[in-house]
Amino acid sequence: MGRIVASCATNRVLPRESAWLVMKPDHGTVWTCSDAEAWLNTPGLMPALEHTVRAFVEGPESSERTWTSHGELELVRLSGPVPGMVLVHLRAGHALGLPIPADLSPRQLDVAASAAVGVTVDEIALELGIGRETVRTHLKAVYERLDVGTRLELGRLLEPIWPLR
């Protein structure tokens, strides 16, 4: 499959603020805009994008928005003669003014997003297929890195970024 945005443990700013791709699970990137090359060459991006696109295609939604430590992924199911095609819009975190440090892992971002809207540790563990202690460990790291002490503070920090569910 092609390459895309996932968490990189650097604060490197991507050259373009956004890029468009068309992807098909297990077939890679089918089409990219000219601005996508910098995104495609970012280390570690493609495995996470491939996983995200594959999970999206298997689900019932026609569109979805998710976040990585570098920014936003917007996925839209395309209709047409070739099933399973997905339009992916990447928007860099720096372009959106995201206050999230680039050293949060994708899993920590998942935990933070759920915790910020009041999902319990048990529910997060079940949703993500990880143990309760792992959720607590991720949540502790998120609190430390974002310098917050409660879910309320976390929600207030993330609310401008993630519309609360």
Protein backbone atom coordinates (compact mmCIF):
# COMPACT_ATOMS: atom_id res chain seq x y z
CA MET A 1 0.00 0.00 0.00
CA GLY A 2 1.05 3.64 -0.32
CA ARG A 3 2.38 5.85 2.44
CA ILE A 4 0.65 8.25 4.82
CA VAL A 5 0.51 10.14 8.11
CA ALA A 6 1.18 8.50 11.42
CA SER A 7 2.97 9.59 14.50
CA CYS A 8 6.61 10.54 14.11
CA ALA A 9 8.62 11.29 17.19
CA THR A 10 9.98 14.52 15.76
CA ASN A 11 8.77 18.09 15.72
CA ARG A 12 9.67 18.40 12.05
CA VAL A 13 7.20 20.57 10.17
CA LEU A 14 5.95 19.03 6.98
CA PRO A 15 6.55 21.24 3.92
CA ARG A 16 2.91 21.42 2.80
CA GLU A 17 -0.10 22.13 4.95
CA SER A 18 -2.32 19.59 3.25
CA ALA A 19 -2.34 16.88 0.62
CA TRP A 20 -4.87 14.61 -1.11
CA LEU A 21 -4.50 10.91 -1.87
CA VAL A 22 -6.73 8.21 -3.28
CA MET A 23 -6.02 4.83 -1.70
CA LYS A 24 -7.30 1.30 -1.96
CA PRO A 25 -6.51 -1.16 0.84
CA ASP A 26 -3.85 -3.69 -0.12
CA HIS A 27 -3.17 -1.80 -3.37
CA GLY A 28 -1.44 1.30 -2.02
CA THR A 29 -1.75 4.85 -3.14
CA VAL A 30 -3.64 5.00 -6.42
CA TRP A 31 -3.35 8.74 -6.96
CA THR A 32 -1.70 11.68 -5.16
CA CYS A 33 -1.69 15.41 -5.61
CA SER A 34 1.67 16.95 -6.36
CA ASP A 35 1.97 18.24 -2.77
CA ALA A 36 1.76 14.73 -1.28
CA GLU A 37 5.38 13.71 -1.86
CA ALA A 38 6.68 15.22 1.39
CA TRP A 39 3.94 13.38 3.30
CA LEU A 40 4.70 10.13 1.51
CA ASN A 41 8.38 10.37 2.43
CA THR A 42 7.75 11.02 6.13
CA PRO A 43 9.13 8.04 8.10
CA GLY A 44 6.50 5.86 9.75
CA LEU A 45 3.49 7.42 8.06
CA MET A 46 2.41 4.71 5.65
CA PRO A 47 1.87 1.75 8.00
CA ALA A 48 -0.53 3.79 10.14
CA LEU A 49 -2.36 5.17 7.13
CA GLU A 50 -2.70 1.74 5.59
CA HIS A 51 -4.15 0.40 8.83
CA THR A 52 -6.54 3.35 9.15
CA VAL A 53 -7.77 3.07 5.54
CA ARG A 54 -8.23 -0.70 5.83
CA ALA A 55 -10.28 -0.34 9.03
CA PHE A 56 -12.34 2.46 7.48
CA VAL A 57 -13.19 0.41 4.36
CA GLU A 58 -14.32 -2.50 6.54
CA GLY A 59 -16.64 -0.22 8.55
CA PRO A 60 -20.07 1.16 7.72
CA GLU A 61 -19.22 4.88 7.70
CA SER A 62 -19.13 6.87 4.47
CA SER A 63 -16.71 9.41 5.94
CA GLU A 64 -14.53 9.71 9.01
CA ARG A 65 -12.14 12.18 10.56
CA THR A 66 -9.28 11.13 12.80
CA TRP A 67 -6.11 12.64 14.21
CA THR A 68 -2.45 11.79 14.40
CA SER A 69 0.28 13.70 16.15
CA HIS A 70 0.94 15.55 12.89
CA GLY A 71 -2.62 16.52 12.11
CA GLU A 72 -5.92 15.44 10.72
CA LEU A 73 -6.88 12.60 8.39
CA GLU A 74 -10.22 12.91 6.66
CA LEU A 75 -11.38 9.75 4.89
CA VAL A 76 -14.23 9.61 2.38
CA ARG A 77 -15.51 6.45 0.71
CA LEU A 78 -15.63 6.90 -3.07
CA SER A 79 -18.39 5.42 -5.17
CA GLY A 80 -17.70 4.22 -8.65
CA PRO A 81 -16.68 1.21 -10.68
CA VAL A 82 -13.81 0.21 -8.36
CA PRO A 83 -15.04 -0.69 -4.85
CA GLY A 84 -13.02 0.17 -1.78
CA MET A 85 -11.44 3.40 -3.01
CA VAL A 86 -10.90 6.05 -0.33
CA LEU A 87 -10.16 9.74 -0.70
CA VAL A 88 -7.72 10.81 2.04
CA HIS A 89 -7.18 14.45 2.95
CA LEU A 90 -4.18 15.14 5.15
CA ARG A 91 -3.93 18.41 7.07
CA ALA A 92 -0.77 19.17 8.97
CA GLY A 93 -1.07 19.87 12.68
CA HIS A 94 0.96 23.07 12.44
CA ALA A 95 -1.52 24.40 9.87
CA LEU A 96 -4.39 23.73 12.25
CA GLY A 97 -2.63 25.23 15.26
CA LEU A 98 -2.74 21.96 17.16
CA PRO A 99 -1.17 22.13 20.61
CA ILE A 100 -0.39 18.40 20.61
CA PRO A 101 3.30 17.57 20.82
CA ALA A 102 4.60 15.30 18.10
CA ASP A 103 5.93 12.83 20.64
CA LEU A 104 2.47 11.44 21.48
CA SER A 105 2.05 8.04 19.90
CA PRO A 106 -1.04 7.22 17.83
CA ARG A 107 -2.26 5.01 20.70
CA GLN A 108 -1.80 7.86 23.20
CA LEU A 109 -3.80 10.11 20.89
CA ASP A 110 -6.57 7.48 20.75
CA VAL A 111 -6.63 7.22 24.55
CA ALA A 112 -6.56 11.02 24.95
CA ALA A 113 -9.44 11.55 22.52
CA SER A 114 -11.61 8.99 24.29
CA ALA A 115 -10.69 10.11 27.82
CA ALA A 116 -11.38 13.76 26.95
CA VAL A 117 -15.00 12.96 26.19
CA GLY A 118 -15.57 10.86 29.30
CA VAL A 119 -15.03 7.32 28.08
CA THR A 120 -14.00 5.13 31.04
CA VAL A 121 -10.72 3.25 31.28
CA ASP A 122 -12.57 -0.06 30.88
CA GLU A 123 -14.41 1.20 27.79
CA ILE A 124 -11.20 2.55 26.24
CA ALA A 125 -9.43 -0.76 26.88
CA LEU A 126 -12.26 -2.69 25.25
CA GLU A 127 -12.53 -0.29 22.30
CA LEU A 128 -8.78 -0.35 21.60
CA GLY A 129 -8.18 -3.99 22.47
CA ILE A 130 -5.59 -3.22 25.14
CA GLY A 131 -5.38 -3.80 28.89
CA ARG A 132 -6.71 -1.42 31.55
CA GLU A 133 -3.21 -0.82 32.92
CA THR A 134 -1.97 0.00 29.43
CA VAL A 135 -4.74 2.61 29.11
CA ARG A 136 -3.73 4.08 32.47
CA THR A 137 -0.07 4.18 31.42
CA HIS A 138 -0.96 5.96 28.17
CA LEU A 139 -3.24 8.38 29.99
CA LYS A 140 -0.52 9.21 32.52
CA ALA A 141 1.95 9.91 29.69
CA VAL A 142 -0.62 12.12 27.93
CA TYR A 143 -1.27 14.11 31.12
CA GLU A 144 2.46 14.64 31.64
CA ARG A 145 3.21 15.64 28.06
CA LEU A 146 0.23 17.98 27.76
CA ASP A 147 0.72 19.31 31.30
CA VAL A 148 -2.83 18.55 32.46
CA GLY A 149 -4.02 16.81 35.60
CA THR A 150 -7.62 15.85 34.92
CA ARG A 151 -9.89 14.68 32.13
CA LEU A 152 -11.69 18.02 32.35
CA GLU A 153 -8.43 19.88 31.66
CA LEU A 154 -7.65 17.42 28.87
CA GLY A 155 -11.09 17.99 27.34
CA ARG A 156 -10.69 21.77 27.52
CA LEU A 157 -7.29 21.57 25.83
CA LEU A 158 -8.45 19.23 23.08
CA GLU A 159 -11.95 20.63 22.50
CA PRO A 160 -10.84 23.17 19.85
CA ILE A 161 -9.06 20.35 18.02
CA TRP A 162 -11.49 17.45 18.43
CA PRO A 163 -15.12 18.43 18.40
CA LEU A 164 -16.33 16.60 21.49
CA ARG A 165 -18.49 13.62 20.60
